[in-house]
Amino acid sequence: MYKGREGQWAFFLHRLSGLAILAYFLLHVVSISLIIFGEEAYMRVHHLYDLWPFRIGLILVTAGVAYHAFNGLRIMAMDFTGWGVAYQRQTWYGVLVITALITLYTAWMNIPRILGGY
């Protein structure tokens, strides 16, 4: 029976962050490829990225990349070390703390741009 413990949440968030990174990558490739339609089309789309919803999205993408990277290291530690499985709960909470710190730093750096200043 599904108990919703840390292992299931780590797995779910790892898959979700991977899909979010893929979506961001595809959006990035499409927006860069707009240069084939001319500089005006390219710049029109890239000016949208300075709007506040995209700045908040940048913070969320950074959180997703940080979580995915550090949780991937946690998974490798579980697979390749003798102690990884024994400490999977503690290492997952460590991943969450590191992700939160990186996300807060990214938010702190982007808040002036979200509020309209540079």
N, C-alpha and C. Protein backbone atom coordinates (compact mmCIF):
# COMPACT_ATOMS: atom_id res chain seq x y z
N MET A 1 0.85 -1.18 0.00
CA MET A 1 0.00 0.00 0.00
C MET A 1 0.89 1.25 0.00
N TYR A 2 0.42 2.25 -0.70
CA TYR A 2 1.16 3.51 -0.78
C TYR A 2 1.13 4.22 0.55
N LYS A 3 2.29 4.53 1.10
CA LYS A 3 2.35 5.20 2.39
C LYS A 3 2.82 6.63 2.29
N GLY A 4 3.31 7.05 1.14
CA GLY A 4 3.74 8.43 0.96
C GLY A 4 4.96 8.80 1.79
N ARG A 5 5.87 7.88 1.95
CA ARG A 5 7.08 8.15 2.73
C ARG A 5 8.09 8.92 1.88
N GLU A 6 9.23 9.20 2.47
CA GLU A 6 10.23 10.03 1.80
C GLU A 6 10.70 9.45 0.48
N GLY A 7 10.84 8.14 0.41
CA GLY A 7 11.30 7.50 -0.82
C GLY A 7 10.38 7.75 -2.00
N GLN A 8 9.06 7.64 -1.74
CA GLN A 8 8.10 7.89 -2.82
C GLN A 8 8.12 9.36 -3.24
N TRP A 9 8.22 10.27 -2.27
CA TRP A 9 8.27 11.69 -2.61
C TRP A 9 9.54 12.04 -3.36
N ALA A 10 10.66 11.44 -2.96
CA ALA A 10 11.92 11.69 -3.66
C ALA A 10 11.82 11.22 -5.10
N PHE A 11 11.25 10.05 -5.31
CA PHE A 11 11.08 9.49 -6.65
C PHE A 11 10.16 10.39 -7.48
N PHE A 12 9.01 10.77 -6.93
CA PHE A 12 8.05 11.60 -7.65
C PHE A 12 8.65 12.96 -8.02
N LEU A 13 9.30 13.61 -7.07
CA LEU A 13 9.89 14.92 -7.34
C LEU A 13 11.06 14.83 -8.32
N HIS A 14 11.78 13.71 -8.29
CA HIS A 14 12.88 13.53 -9.25
C HIS A 14 12.33 13.44 -10.67
N ARG A 15 11.26 12.67 -10.85
CA ARG A 15 10.64 12.56 -12.18
C ARG A 15 10.04 13.90 -12.61
N LEU A 16 9.35 14.57 -11.70
CA LEU A 16 8.73 15.85 -12.01
C LEU A 16 9.77 16.90 -12.38
N SER A 17 10.86 16.96 -11.62
CA SER A 17 11.90 17.94 -11.93
C SER A 17 12.57 17.61 -13.26
N GLY A 18 12.72 16.34 -13.57
CA GLY A 18 13.28 15.95 -14.87
C GLY A 18 12.40 16.39 -16.02
N LEU A 19 11.09 16.22 -15.88
CA LEU A 19 10.17 16.68 -16.92
C LEU A 19 10.18 18.19 -17.05
N ALA A 20 10.27 18.89 -15.94
CA ALA A 20 10.32 20.36 -15.98
C ALA A 20 11.60 20.84 -16.67
N ILE A 21 12.72 20.19 -16.40
CA ILE A 21 13.98 20.55 -17.06
C ILE A 21 13.87 20.29 -18.56
N LEU A 22 13.26 19.17 -18.94
CA LEU A 22 13.07 18.87 -20.36
C LEU A 22 12.20 19.93 -21.03
N ALA A 23 11.10 20.33 -20.37
CA ALA A 23 10.23 21.36 -20.93
C ALA A 23 10.98 22.68 -21.09
N TYR A 24 11.76 23.05 -20.09
CA TYR A 24 12.55 24.28 -20.18
C TYR A 24 13.56 24.20 -21.31
N PHE A 25 14.21 23.06 -21.45
CA PHE A 25 15.19 22.88 -22.52
C PHE A 25 14.54 23.02 -23.89
N LEU A 26 13.37 22.39 -24.07
CA LEU A 26 12.67 22.50 -25.35
C LEU A 26 12.24 23.93 -25.64
N LEU A 27 11.74 24.64 -24.63
CA LEU A 27 11.37 26.04 -24.80
C LEU A 27 12.60 26.87 -25.16
N HIS A 28 13.71 26.58 -24.54
CA HIS A 28 14.96 27.29 -24.81
C HIS A 28 15.41 27.07 -26.26
N VAL A 29 15.36 25.84 -26.72
CA VAL A 29 15.77 25.53 -28.09
C VAL A 29 14.85 26.22 -29.09
N VAL A 30 13.55 26.17 -28.84
CA VAL A 30 12.60 26.82 -29.75
C VAL A 30 12.82 28.33 -29.78
N SER A 31 13.01 28.94 -28.61
CA SER A 31 13.18 30.39 -28.58
C SER A 31 14.49 30.82 -29.25
N ILE A 32 15.55 30.05 -29.09
CA ILE A 32 16.81 30.37 -29.75
C ILE A 32 16.68 30.18 -31.26
N SER A 33 15.93 29.17 -31.68
CA SER A 33 15.79 28.91 -33.12
C SER A 33 14.95 29.96 -33.83
N LEU A 34 14.29 30.83 -33.10
CA LEU A 34 13.51 31.89 -33.74
C LEU A 34 14.37 32.87 -34.51
N ILE A 35 15.66 32.82 -34.33
CA ILE A 35 16.56 33.70 -35.07
C ILE A 35 16.45 33.45 -36.57
N ILE A 36 16.02 32.25 -36.97
CA ILE A 36 15.88 31.97 -38.41
C ILE A 36 14.75 32.79 -39.03
N PHE A 37 13.83 33.30 -38.21
CA PHE A 37 12.75 34.15 -38.71
C PHE A 37 13.12 35.63 -38.66
N GLY A 38 14.30 35.92 -38.24
CA GLY A 38 14.77 37.30 -38.20
C GLY A 38 14.98 37.79 -36.78
N GLU A 39 15.74 38.86 -36.70
CA GLU A 39 16.07 39.42 -35.39
C GLU A 39 14.85 39.96 -34.66
N GLU A 40 13.89 40.51 -35.41
CA GLU A 40 12.70 41.08 -34.77
C GLU A 40 11.88 40.02 -34.05
N ALA A 41 11.65 38.88 -34.69
CA ALA A 41 10.90 37.80 -34.05
C ALA A 41 11.65 37.27 -32.83
N TYR A 42 12.95 37.14 -32.98
CA TYR A 42 13.79 36.65 -31.88
C TYR A 42 13.72 37.60 -30.68
N MET A 43 13.88 38.89 -30.93
CA MET A 43 13.89 39.87 -29.84
C MET A 43 12.51 40.02 -29.21
N ARG A 44 11.45 39.89 -30.01
CA ARG A 44 10.10 40.00 -29.47
C ARG A 44 9.86 38.92 -28.40
N VAL A 45 10.28 37.72 -28.70
CA VAL A 45 10.10 36.62 -27.74
C VAL A 45 11.03 36.81 -26.54
N HIS A 46 12.26 37.22 -26.78
CA HIS A 46 13.21 37.33 -25.68
C HIS A 46 12.92 38.52 -24.77
N HIS A 47 12.20 39.50 -25.26
CA HIS A 47 11.76 40.58 -24.36
C HIS A 47 10.70 40.08 -23.39
N LEU A 48 9.96 39.07 -23.79
CA LEU A 48 8.97 38.48 -22.87
C LEU A 48 9.64 37.86 -21.65
N TYR A 49 10.85 37.37 -21.83
CA TYR A 49 11.55 36.72 -20.73
C TYR A 49 11.93 37.67 -19.61
N ASP A 50 11.84 38.97 -19.85
CA ASP A 50 12.10 39.94 -18.79
C ASP A 50 10.86 40.24 -17.95
N LEU A 51 9.71 39.69 -18.33
CA LEU A 51 8.49 39.90 -17.55
C LEU A 51 8.53 39.06 -16.27
N TRP A 52 7.79 39.52 -15.27
CA TRP A 52 7.87 38.88 -13.95
C TRP A 52 7.45 37.40 -13.95
N PRO A 53 6.46 36.95 -14.75
CA PRO A 53 6.15 35.51 -14.69
C PRO A 53 7.32 34.64 -15.13
N PHE A 54 8.09 35.12 -16.09
CA PHE A 54 9.24 34.35 -16.55
C PHE A 54 10.37 34.40 -15.53
N ARG A 55 10.48 35.49 -14.80
CA ARG A 55 11.50 35.57 -13.74
C ARG A 55 11.17 34.59 -12.61
N ILE A 56 9.89 34.49 -12.28
CA ILE A 56 9.49 33.50 -11.27
C ILE A 56 9.73 32.09 -11.81
N GLY A 57 9.46 31.90 -13.09
CA GLY A 57 9.74 30.62 -13.72
C GLY A 57 11.21 30.26 -13.67
N LEU A 58 12.08 31.27 -13.80
CA LEU A 58 13.52 31.04 -13.70
C LEU A 58 13.89 30.53 -12.30
N ILE A 59 13.26 31.08 -11.30
CA ILE A 59 13.50 30.62 -9.92
C ILE A 59 13.06 29.17 -9.78
N LEU A 60 11.89 28.84 -10.34
CA LEU A 60 11.39 27.46 -10.25
C LEU A 60 12.27 26.49 -11.04
N VAL A 61 12.76 26.92 -12.20
CA VAL A 61 13.66 26.06 -12.98
C VAL A 61 14.96 25.82 -12.21
N THR A 62 15.47 26.86 -11.58
CA THR A 62 16.69 26.70 -10.77
C THR A 62 16.45 25.71 -9.63
N ALA A 63 15.29 25.81 -8.99
CA ALA A 63 14.96 24.86 -7.93
C ALA A 63 14.88 23.44 -8.48
N GLY A 64 14.27 23.28 -9.64
CA GLY A 64 14.16 21.96 -10.25
C GLY A 64 15.51 21.37 -10.62
N VAL A 65 16.38 22.19 -11.19
CA VAL A 65 17.71 21.71 -11.57
C VAL A 65 18.52 21.35 -10.32
N ALA A 66 18.45 22.20 -9.30
CA ALA A 66 19.19 21.91 -8.06
C ALA A 66 18.69 20.62 -7.42
N TYR A 67 17.37 20.47 -7.32
CA TYR A 67 16.83 19.25 -6.72
C TYR A 67 17.24 18.03 -7.54
N HIS A 68 17.08 18.11 -8.86
CA HIS A 68 17.37 16.96 -9.71
C HIS A 68 18.85 16.57 -9.62
N ALA A 69 19.72 17.56 -9.60
CA ALA A 69 21.16 17.28 -9.52
C ALA A 69 21.54 16.64 -8.19
N PHE A 70 21.11 17.26 -7.10
CA PHE A 70 21.52 16.73 -5.79
C PHE A 70 20.81 15.43 -5.44
N ASN A 71 19.57 15.28 -5.89
CA ASN A 71 18.90 14.00 -5.66
C ASN A 71 19.54 12.91 -6.52
N GLY A 72 20.02 13.26 -7.70
CA GLY A 72 20.75 12.29 -8.51
C GLY A 72 22.02 11.83 -7.83
N LEU A 73 22.72 12.75 -7.18
CA LEU A 73 23.90 12.36 -6.40
C LEU A 73 23.51 11.46 -5.23
N ARG A 74 22.38 11.75 -4.62
CA ARG A 74 21.88 10.92 -3.52
C ARG A 74 21.57 9.51 -4.02
N ILE A 75 20.95 9.42 -5.19
CA ILE A 75 20.62 8.11 -5.77
C ILE A 75 21.90 7.34 -6.09
N MET A 76 22.91 8.03 -6.62
CA MET A 76 24.18 7.35 -6.90
C MET A 76 24.83 6.87 -5.61
N ALA A 77 24.74 7.67 -4.55
CA ALA A 77 25.30 7.24 -3.26
C ALA A 77 24.57 6.00 -2.76
N MET A 78 23.25 5.95 -2.96
CA MET A 78 22.49 4.77 -2.54
C MET A 78 22.89 3.54 -3.35
N ASP A 79 23.17 3.74 -4.64
CA ASP A 79 23.50 2.60 -5.50
C ASP A 79 24.92 2.10 -5.33
N PHE A 80 25.86 3.01 -5.10
CA PHE A 80 27.27 2.63 -5.17
C PHE A 80 28.01 2.62 -3.84
N THR A 81 27.34 2.92 -2.75
CA THR A 81 28.01 2.87 -1.45
C THR A 81 27.25 1.92 -0.53
N GLY A 82 27.91 1.51 0.50
CA GLY A 82 27.26 0.64 1.46
C GLY A 82 26.37 1.38 2.44
N TRP A 83 26.59 2.67 2.60
CA TRP A 83 25.85 3.44 3.59
C TRP A 83 24.67 4.19 3.00
N GLY A 84 24.55 4.27 1.67
CA GLY A 84 23.54 5.11 1.04
C GLY A 84 22.11 4.75 1.41
N VAL A 85 21.79 3.48 1.38
CA VAL A 85 20.42 3.05 1.68
C VAL A 85 20.10 3.27 3.15
N ALA A 86 21.07 3.05 4.01
CA ALA A 86 20.83 3.21 5.44
C ALA A 86 20.49 4.65 5.82
N TYR A 87 20.99 5.59 5.05
CA TYR A 87 20.77 7.01 5.35
C TYR A 87 19.96 7.73 4.28
N GLN A 88 19.10 7.00 3.58
CA GLN A 88 18.38 7.62 2.48
C GLN A 88 17.43 8.73 2.95
N ARG A 89 16.81 8.56 4.09
CA ARG A 89 15.90 9.59 4.61
C ARG A 89 16.67 10.87 4.96
N GLN A 90 17.77 10.73 5.67
CA GLN A 90 18.56 11.89 6.06
C GLN A 90 19.16 12.60 4.85
N THR A 91 19.64 11.82 3.88
CA THR A 91 20.23 12.46 2.70
C THR A 91 19.16 13.16 1.87
N TRP A 92 17.92 12.62 1.85
CA TRP A 92 16.86 13.30 1.11
C TRP A 92 16.52 14.63 1.76
N TYR A 93 16.48 14.66 3.09
CA TYR A 93 16.25 15.94 3.76
C TYR A 93 17.41 16.91 3.51
N GLY A 94 18.62 16.38 3.42
CA GLY A 94 19.76 17.22 3.06
C GLY A 94 19.61 17.80 1.67
N VAL A 95 19.12 16.99 0.73
CA VAL A 95 18.86 17.47 -0.64
C VAL A 95 17.83 18.59 -0.60
N LEU A 96 16.79 18.43 0.20
CA LEU A 96 15.76 19.48 0.30
C LEU A 96 16.32 20.77 0.87
N VAL A 97 17.19 20.66 1.87
CA VAL A 97 17.78 21.86 2.48
C VAL A 97 18.69 22.58 1.47
N ILE A 98 19.53 21.82 0.77
CA ILE A 98 20.42 22.43 -0.22
C ILE A 98 19.60 23.08 -1.34
N THR A 99 18.55 22.39 -1.79
CA THR A 99 17.68 22.95 -2.83
C THR A 99 17.02 24.23 -2.35
N ALA A 100 16.54 24.24 -1.11
CA ALA A 100 15.90 25.44 -0.57
C ALA A 100 16.88 26.60 -0.49
N LEU A 101 18.11 26.33 -0.07
CA LEU A 101 19.11 27.40 0.02
C LEU A 101 19.44 27.98 -1.36
N ILE A 102 19.60 27.12 -2.34
CA ILE A 102 19.89 27.59 -3.70
C ILE A 102 18.70 28.36 -4.26
N THR A 103 17.50 27.88 -4.00
CA THR A 103 16.29 28.56 -4.48
C THR A 103 16.14 29.92 -3.82
N LEU A 104 16.39 30.00 -2.53
CA LEU A 104 16.29 31.29 -1.84
C LEU A 104 17.33 32.28 -2.36
N TYR A 105 18.53 31.81 -2.63
CA TYR A 105 19.56 32.69 -3.19
C TYR A 105 19.15 33.19 -4.58
N THR A 106 18.63 32.29 -5.40
CA THR A 106 18.18 32.68 -6.73
C THR A 106 17.03 33.68 -6.64
N ALA A 107 16.10 33.44 -5.73
CA ALA A 107 14.99 34.38 -5.55
C ALA A 107 15.51 35.73 -5.09
N TRP A 108 16.45 35.73 -4.16
CA TRP A 108 17.01 36.98 -3.65
C TRP A 108 17.69 37.77 -4.78
N MET A 109 18.36 37.06 -5.68
CA MET A 109 19.02 37.73 -6.80
C MET A 109 18.02 38.24 -7.84
N ASN A 110 16.85 37.61 -7.94
CA ASN A 110 15.88 37.97 -8.98
C ASN A 110 14.76 38.88 -8.49
N ILE A 111 14.59 39.04 -7.20
CA ILE A 111 13.51 39.89 -6.68
C ILE A 111 13.60 41.32 -7.22
N PRO A 112 14.77 41.96 -7.28
CA PRO A 112 14.82 43.31 -7.86
C PRO A 112 14.33 43.34 -9.31
N ARG A 113 14.66 42.34 -10.09
CA ARG A 113 14.21 42.30 -11.48
C ARG A 113 12.72 42.03 -11.56
N ILE A 114 12.19 41.21 -10.66
CA ILE A 114 10.76 40.94 -10.65
C ILE A 114 9.99 42.20 -10.29
N LEU A 115 10.53 42.97 -9.36
CA LEU A 115 9.85 44.19 -8.92
C LEU A 115 10.10 45.38 -9.85
N GLY A 116 10.88 45.16 -10.90
CA GLY A 116 11.01 46.20 -11.91
C GLY A 116 12.34 46.91 -11.97
N GLY A 117 13.24 46.63 -11.08
CA GLY A 117 14.55 47.28 -11.11
C GLY A 117 15.61 46.34 -11.63
N TYR A 118 16.74 46.89 -11.93
CA TYR A 118 17.87 46.05 -12.36
C TYR A 118 18.97 46.27 -11.42
